[in-house]
Amino acid sequence: MDLTSLLYVIVALLIFFFVIRVFKGIIKFLIIALILVVCIWLYMKYGFRIPISI
């Protein structure tokens, strides 16, 4: 294995790890946003009748 192919492999791995980290961040953000939306929707639907204390 010569140096250029090794460099290609390293660059590909770095890009791969970066994409996975970004993807995880996006998924986490989407899950948090979804939970917030569901909580707000439930509060709008039932919250006026149910006293919610945070």
PDB file of N, CA and C in Angstrom:
ATOM      1  N   MET A   1       0.850  -1.187   0.000  1.00  0.00           N
ATOM      2  CA  MET A   1       0.000   0.000   0.000  1.00  0.00           C
ATOM      3  C   MET A   1       0.892   1.246   0.000  1.00  0.00           C
ATOM      4  N   ASP A   2       0.766   2.032  -1.056  1.00  0.00           N
ATOM      5  CA  ASP A   2       1.614   3.219  -1.131  1.00  0.00           C
ATOM      6  C   ASP A   2       0.972   4.388  -0.389  1.00  0.00           C
ATOM      7  N   LEU A   3       1.664   5.512  -0.400  1.00  0.00           N
ATOM      8  CA  LEU A   3       1.296   6.630   0.469  1.00  0.00           C
ATOM      9  C   LEU A   3       0.002   7.307   0.019  1.00  0.00           C
ATOM     10  N   THR A   4      -0.211   7.397  -1.308  1.00  0.00           N
ATOM     11  CA  THR A   4      -1.385   8.136  -1.786  1.00  0.00           C
ATOM     12  C   THR A   4      -2.678   7.405  -1.435  1.00  0.00           C
ATOM     13  N   SER A   5      -2.672   6.082  -1.589  1.00  0.00           N
ATOM     14  CA  SER A   5      -3.883   5.332  -1.256  1.00  0.00           C
ATOM     15  C   SER A   5      -4.150   5.381   0.250  1.00  0.00           C
ATOM     16  N   LEU A   6      -3.074   5.360   1.047  1.00  0.00           N
ATOM     17  CA  LEU A   6      -3.221   5.491   2.495  1.00  0.00           C
ATOM     18  C   LEU A   6      -3.829   6.848   2.842  1.00  0.00           C
ATOM     19  N   LEU A   7      -3.362   7.889   2.143  1.00  0.00           N
ATOM     20  CA  LEU A   7      -3.898   9.232   2.353  1.00  0.00           C
ATOM     21  C   LEU A   7      -5.381   9.282   1.989  1.00  0.00           C
ATOM     22  N   TYR A   8      -5.731   8.644   0.870  1.00  0.00           N
ATOM     23  CA  TYR A   8      -7.136   8.598   0.470  1.00  0.00           C
ATOM     24  C   TYR A   8      -7.990   7.916   1.539  1.00  0.00           C
ATOM     25  N   VAL A   9      -7.476   6.806   2.086  1.00  0.00           N
ATOM     26  CA  VAL A   9      -8.214   6.080   3.118  1.00  0.00           C
ATOM     27  C   VAL A   9      -8.403   6.952   4.355  1.00  0.00           C
ATOM     28  N   ILE A  10      -7.333   7.658   4.767  1.00  0.00           N
ATOM     29  CA  ILE A  10      -7.414   8.518   5.954  1.00  0.00           C
ATOM     30  C   ILE A  10      -8.430   9.634   5.733  1.00  0.00           C
ATOM     31  N   VAL A  11      -8.371  10.272   4.554  1.00  0.00           N
ATOM     32  CA  VAL A  11      -9.310  11.358   4.251  1.00  0.00           C
ATOM     33  C   VAL A  11     -10.743  10.835   4.229  1.00  0.00           C
ATOM     34  N   ALA A  12     -10.938   9.657   3.621  1.00  0.00           N
ATOM     35  CA  ALA A  12     -12.276   9.079   3.567  1.00  0.00           C
ATOM     36  C   ALA A  12     -12.802   8.787   4.972  1.00  0.00           C
ATOM     37  N   LEU A  13     -11.940   8.251   5.841  1.00  0.00           N
ATOM     38  CA  LEU A  13     -12.349   7.967   7.218  1.00  0.00           C
ATOM     39  C   LEU A  13     -12.704   9.244   7.963  1.00  0.00           C
ATOM     40  N   LEU A  14     -11.892  10.296   7.777  1.00  0.00           N
ATOM     41  CA  LEU A  14     -12.172  11.576   8.436  1.00  0.00           C
ATOM     42  C   LEU A  14     -13.521  12.130   7.993  1.00  0.00           C
ATOM     43  N   ILE A  15     -13.777  12.113   6.680  1.00  0.00           N
ATOM     44  CA  ILE A  15     -15.060  12.599   6.154  1.00  0.00           C
ATOM     45  C   ILE A  15     -16.204  11.759   6.706  1.00  0.00           C
ATOM     46  N   PHE A  16     -15.994  10.441   6.754  1.00  0.00           N
ATOM     47  CA  PHE A  16     -17.010   9.518   7.259  1.00  0.00           C
ATOM     48  C   PHE A  16     -17.365   9.843   8.706  1.00  0.00           C
ATOM     49  N   PHE A  17     -16.324  10.006   9.556  1.00  0.00           N
ATOM     50  CA  PHE A  17     -16.573  10.313  10.965  1.00  0.00           C
ATOM     51  C   PHE A  17     -17.262  11.665  11.111  1.00  0.00           C
ATOM     52  N   PHE A  18     -16.841  12.649  10.302  1.00  0.00           N
ATOM     53  CA  PHE A  18     -17.449  13.973  10.367  1.00  0.00           C
ATOM     54  C   PHE A  18     -18.928  13.909  10.000  1.00  0.00           C
ATOM     55  N   VAL A  19     -19.233  13.177   8.914  1.00  0.00           N
ATOM     56  CA  VAL A  19     -20.623  13.044   8.473  1.00  0.00           C
ATOM     57  C   VAL A  19     -21.460  12.367   9.553  1.00  0.00           C
ATOM     58  N   ILE A  20     -20.892  11.318  10.186  1.00  0.00           N
ATOM     59  CA  ILE A  20     -21.641  10.614  11.233  1.00  0.00           C
ATOM     60  C   ILE A  20     -21.905  11.539  12.416  1.00  0.00           C
ATOM     61  N   ARG A  21     -20.908  12.353  12.802  1.00  0.00           N
ATOM     62  CA  ARG A  21     -21.113  13.276  13.921  1.00  0.00           C
ATOM     63  C   ARG A  21     -22.188  14.298  13.591  1.00  0.00           C
ATOM     64  N   VAL A  22     -22.130  14.861  12.379  1.00  0.00           N
ATOM     65  CA  VAL A  22     -23.141  15.841  11.965  1.00  0.00           C
ATOM     66  C   VAL A  22     -24.519  15.188  11.943  1.00  0.00           C
ATOM     67  N   PHE A  23     -24.578  13.959  11.410  1.00  0.00           N
ATOM     68  CA  PHE A  23     -25.841  13.236  11.301  1.00  0.00           C
ATOM     69  C   PHE A  23     -26.431  12.983  12.680  1.00  0.00           C
ATOM     70  N   LYS A  24     -25.572  12.557  13.642  1.00  0.00           N
ATOM     71  CA  LYS A  24     -26.029  12.336  15.015  1.00  0.00           C
ATOM     72  C   LYS A  24     -26.571  13.625  15.622  1.00  0.00           C
ATOM     73  N   GLY A  25     -25.863  14.730  15.390  1.00  0.00           N
ATOM     74  CA  GLY A  25     -26.317  16.013  15.911  1.00  0.00           C
ATOM     75  C   GLY A  25     -27.669  16.399  15.347  1.00  0.00           C
ATOM     76  N   ILE A  26     -27.841  16.202  14.019  1.00  0.00           N
ATOM     77  CA  ILE A  26     -29.108  16.537  13.374  1.00  0.00           C
ATOM     78  C   ILE A  26     -30.228  15.665  13.927  1.00  0.00           C
ATOM     79  N   ILE A  27     -29.955  14.352  14.097  1.00  0.00           N
ATOM     80  CA  ILE A  27     -30.983  13.446  14.612  1.00  0.00           C
ATOM     81  C   ILE A  27     -31.365  13.833  16.035  1.00  0.00           C
ATOM     82  N   LYS A  28     -30.352  14.155  16.871  1.00  0.00           N
ATOM     83  CA  LYS A  28     -30.632  14.559  18.247  1.00  0.00           C
ATOM     84  C   LYS A  28     -31.486  15.824  18.260  1.00  0.00           C
ATOM     85  N   PHE A  29     -31.122  16.796  17.390  1.00  0.00           N
ATOM     86  CA  PHE A  29     -31.878  18.041  17.318  1.00  0.00           C
ATOM     87  C   PHE A  29     -33.317  17.779  16.887  1.00  0.00           C
ATOM     88  N   LEU A  30     -33.493  16.889  15.892  1.00  0.00           N
ATOM     89  CA  LEU A  30     -34.838  16.575  15.411  1.00  0.00           C
ATOM     90  C   LEU A  30     -35.669  15.916  16.500  1.00  0.00           C
ATOM     91  N   ILE A  31     -35.054  14.993  17.266  1.00  0.00           N
ATOM     92  CA  ILE A  31     -35.783  14.315  18.338  1.00  0.00           C
ATOM     93  C   ILE A  31     -36.203  15.316  19.406  1.00  0.00           C
ATOM     94  N   ILE A  32     -35.286  16.222  19.789  1.00  0.00           N
ATOM     95  CA  ILE A  32     -35.617  17.234  20.799  1.00  0.00           C
ATOM     96  C   ILE A  32     -36.731  18.139  20.285  1.00  0.00           C
ATOM     97  N   ALA A  33     -36.636  18.562  19.021  1.00  0.00           N
ATOM     98  CA  ALA A  33     -37.661  19.428  18.445  1.00  0.00           C
ATOM     99  C   ALA A  33     -39.009  18.714  18.410  1.00  0.00           C
ATOM    100  N   LEU A  34     -38.991  17.431  18.062  1.00  0.00           N
ATOM    101  CA  LEU A  34     -40.230  16.655  18.003  1.00  0.00           C
ATOM    102  C   LEU A  34     -40.863  16.540  19.384  1.00  0.00           C
ATOM    103  N   ILE A  35     -40.038  16.266  20.412  1.00  0.00           N
ATOM    104  CA  ILE A  35     -40.550  16.169  21.779  1.00  0.00           C
ATOM    105  C   ILE A  35     -41.143  17.506  22.215  1.00  0.00           C
ATOM    106  N   LEU A  36     -40.446  18.608  21.892  1.00  0.00           N
ATOM    107  CA  LEU A  36     -40.963  19.936  22.244  1.00  0.00           C
ATOM    108  C   LEU A  36     -42.298  20.197  21.566  1.00  0.00           C
ATOM    109  N   VAL A  37     -42.393  19.866  20.269  1.00  0.00           N
ATOM    110  CA  VAL A  37     -43.637  20.090  19.528  1.00  0.00           C
ATOM    111  C   VAL A  37     -44.770  19.271  20.130  1.00  0.00           C
ATOM    112  N   VAL A  38     -44.487  18.007  20.467  1.00  0.00           N
ATOM    113  CA  VAL A  38     -45.519  17.149  21.061  1.00  0.00           C
ATOM    114  C   VAL A  38     -45.958  17.700  22.410  1.00  0.00           C
ATOM    115  N   CYS A  39     -44.988  18.155  23.235  1.00  0.00           N
ATOM    116  CA  CYS A  39     -45.333  18.718  24.543  1.00  0.00           C
ATOM    117  C   CYS A  39     -46.193  19.961  24.388  1.00  0.00           C
ATOM    118  N   ILE A  40     -45.808  20.854  23.461  1.00  0.00           N
ATOM    119  CA  ILE A  40     -46.584  22.078  23.245  1.00  0.00           C
ATOM    120  C   ILE A  40     -47.977  21.734  22.735  1.00  0.00           C
ATOM    121  N   TRP A  41     -48.070  20.751  21.819  1.00  0.00           N
ATOM    122  CA  TRP A  41     -49.365  20.356  21.278  1.00  0.00           C
ATOM    123  C   TRP A  41     -50.258  19.775  22.371  1.00  0.00           C
ATOM    124  N   LEU A  42     -49.673  18.905  23.214  1.00  0.00           N
ATOM    125  CA  LEU A  42     -50.442  18.333  24.324  1.00  0.00           C
ATOM    126  C   LEU A  42     -50.885  19.423  25.287  1.00  0.00           C
ATOM    127  N   TYR A  43     -50.000  20.399  25.529  1.00  0.00           N
ATOM    128  CA  TYR A  43     -50.358  21.487  26.436  1.00  0.00           C
ATOM    129  C   TYR A  43     -51.498  22.317  25.845  1.00  0.00           C
ATOM    130  N   MET A  44     -51.437  22.590  24.541  1.00  0.00           N
ATOM    131  CA  MET A  44     -52.501  23.348  23.888  1.00  0.00           C
ATOM    132  C   MET A  44     -53.821  22.578  23.928  1.00  0.00           C
ATOM    133  N   LYS A  45     -53.724  21.246  23.798  1.00  0.00           N
ATOM    134  CA  LYS A  45     -54.936  20.431  23.719  1.00  0.00           C
ATOM    135  C   LYS A  45     -55.527  20.194  25.108  1.00  0.00           C
ATOM    136  N   TYR A  46     -54.683  19.815  26.079  1.00  0.00           N
ATOM    137  CA  TYR A  46     -55.181  19.422  27.399  1.00  0.00           C
ATOM    138  C   TYR A  46     -54.680  20.310  28.533  1.00  0.00           C
ATOM    139  N   GLY A  47     -53.683  21.154  28.257  1.00  0.00           N
ATOM    140  CA  GLY A  47     -52.975  21.849  29.332  1.00  0.00           C
ATOM    141  C   GLY A  47     -53.830  22.848  30.088  1.00  0.00           C
ATOM    142  N   PHE A  48     -54.880  23.370  29.436  1.00  0.00           N
ATOM    143  CA  PHE A  48     -55.715  24.351  30.101  1.00  0.00           C
ATOM    144  C   PHE A  48     -56.592  23.684  31.149  1.00  0.00           C
ATOM    145  N   ARG A  49     -56.834  22.396  30.986  1.00  0.00           N
ATOM    146  CA  ARG A  49     -57.637  21.662  31.962  1.00  0.00           C
ATOM    147  C   ARG A  49     -56.761  20.982  33.007  1.00  0.00           C
ATOM    148  N   ILE A  50     -55.532  20.615  32.614  1.00  0.00           N
ATOM    149  CA  ILE A  50     -54.634  19.919  33.535  1.00  0.00           C
ATOM    150  C   ILE A  50     -53.582  20.907  34.018  1.00  0.00           C
ATOM    151  N   PRO A  51     -53.469  21.127  35.328  1.00  0.00           N
ATOM    152  CA  PRO A  51     -52.401  22.008  35.818  1.00  0.00           C
ATOM    153  C   PRO A  51     -51.037  21.330  35.703  1.00  0.00           C
ATOM    154  N   ILE A  52     -50.149  21.916  34.909  1.00  0.00           N
ATOM    155  CA  ILE A  52     -48.817  21.349  34.694  1.00  0.00           C
ATOM    156  C   ILE A  52     -47.801  22.240  35.392  1.00  0.00           C
ATOM    157  N   SER A  53     -47.039  21.662  36.293  1.00  0.00           N
ATOM    158  CA  SER A  53     -45.984  22.415  36.974  1.00  0.00           C
ATOM    159  C   SER A  53     -44.637  21.828  36.591  1.00  0.00           C
ATOM    160  N   ILE A  54     -43.739  22.678  36.094  1.00  0.00           N
ATOM    161  CA  ILE A  54     -42.410  22.226  35.680  1.00  0.00           C
ATOM    162  C   ILE A  54     -41.404  22.642  36.740  1.00  0.00           C
TER     163      ILE A  54
END
